[in-house]
Amino acid sequence: MAYRALTEQEAVQYVKELPGLFSEGADLSSREIGDGNLNLVFDIREEATGKSVIVKQALPYARVVGESWPLTLDRARIESEALQIQYKRVPELVPQVYHFDQELALTVMENVGDHIIMRKGLIEGNRYPLFAKQIGKFLAHTLFYTSDLGSHPYEKKALVGRFINPELCKITEDLVFTDPYENAPTNNFNPLIQREVEAIWQNKPLKLEIAKLKYDFLTRAEALLHGDLHTGSIFVTKTSLKVIDPEFAYYGPLGFDIGAVIANLLLNYAGQHGLQADPGERESYREYLLETVEDVWNEFVSQFVQLWHKQAKERSAHVEGLWESYVNRLIQDTAGYAGCKILRRVIGLAGVADLNEIADEQTRAEAERLALAIGEALILQRTKIGESTDITDLVRSVTAKFYQEAATV
């Protein structure tokens, strides 16, 4: 079947023709629920039994811009294959893929609609006690087993070829590492922070460090990254977690995925300036977020190093001192990439609701200034970071300075 974007009715008919999903003659309904930038997403449901699946179809352009921004349909294959690789390692943390159609760029997968988008939950002030352990496991297992440490060298090199993903990588290269740091037409920021943004454009030491991080992203094929691991790609309940949307999957530096998780926790941290009016509640929730940052890193390292000692296939991995050196470099990478992710969400295309939902423009600008200060500090001071508490101490220090300076204006 030649490619075409499906309607809701066509999505229902497509699913009906797949064996093993629904009983013959099932009465199915369809609802298009996609709120992302790149795809159609259909919730196909049998009301009589409550059974449902998701049909996700890639569009040949970015919805956020329109047909003037064409995109490869091969990203649907990338996403489907990445989900299957991740499901093999952590099946409880990833939706199951039931079917993939190359020509229609379409995946049929498990519906995780009983979960909520984590970003929404954080904005509402919810706490997720198992999140750090769960995302730490996801990161440790998916990154370790696709790296030279945990996979056969032939297998790993073959996967590097299957996940080159040049078009979506170019989006990351531009929107995360390039456009926000110059006067690019894709930028979309609050006019009230124009002065701070222009200062970043003129900050040569900062731009040098970002260029180094970009170069590593371009050249270090360490493991299969999710590639876009923000809190909008994580679905949660109090006890369960599902990671979705790995269409940006690519072989790159491990710290990029870990940094993305931490960046989004810290974007919500900055957003608390306008999301939570009560000072006591705001401080309490910010401390929860910082504890979660520490726990995410610590859980990841604990599980990753256990896998290293027990499962590493690469013989040189067991050279004394290597894992400590590796982890020390990795936390610095993580901090740097977290900083880039924060800056890009404030300045560049596709901001985050953690900041954008602050109704008062002046208050939102203040939260955005705090986010920029945190992002800059993580990038410029990353070589001083050796523990997760160094990250959170730095955030507290930047925050204290921010409010002290605000009080003197």
Foldseek 3Di string as FASTA:
>chain_A
DAADDDDQVRVQVVVQPDPDQDDHPQDKGWDFDDPAFFWTKIWIARVVVRRTKIKIFGDQATNVVPPVGGDDLCLLVVQLVLLVLLCVFPVQAAWAWDDADSRHSMTITHDPVVFAQQLVCVLVVDAAVCVLLNLLSSLQRQFCCLFLFFDPPVVNVVVQVSFARVVLVVVCCPLLQNPQLAPDPQWDAQPVCVVVSVVSVVPVLLNVLSVVLSVQQVPPQGGWALQQQASRQWTDDSPGIYGHRSSNTHRGASLLNLLRHLLNLVLLLLLLLQSPPDPVSNVVSNVSSLVSLQSNLVSNLVSNVVCSVVRTPDVCSPPPPPSLVVSQVSQLSNLLSSLSNLSSLRIGHPHGCSLVVRPDSVSSSLSSVLSNQLSSCSSNVSNVDRHSVVSSVSSVVSVVVSVVVVVVD
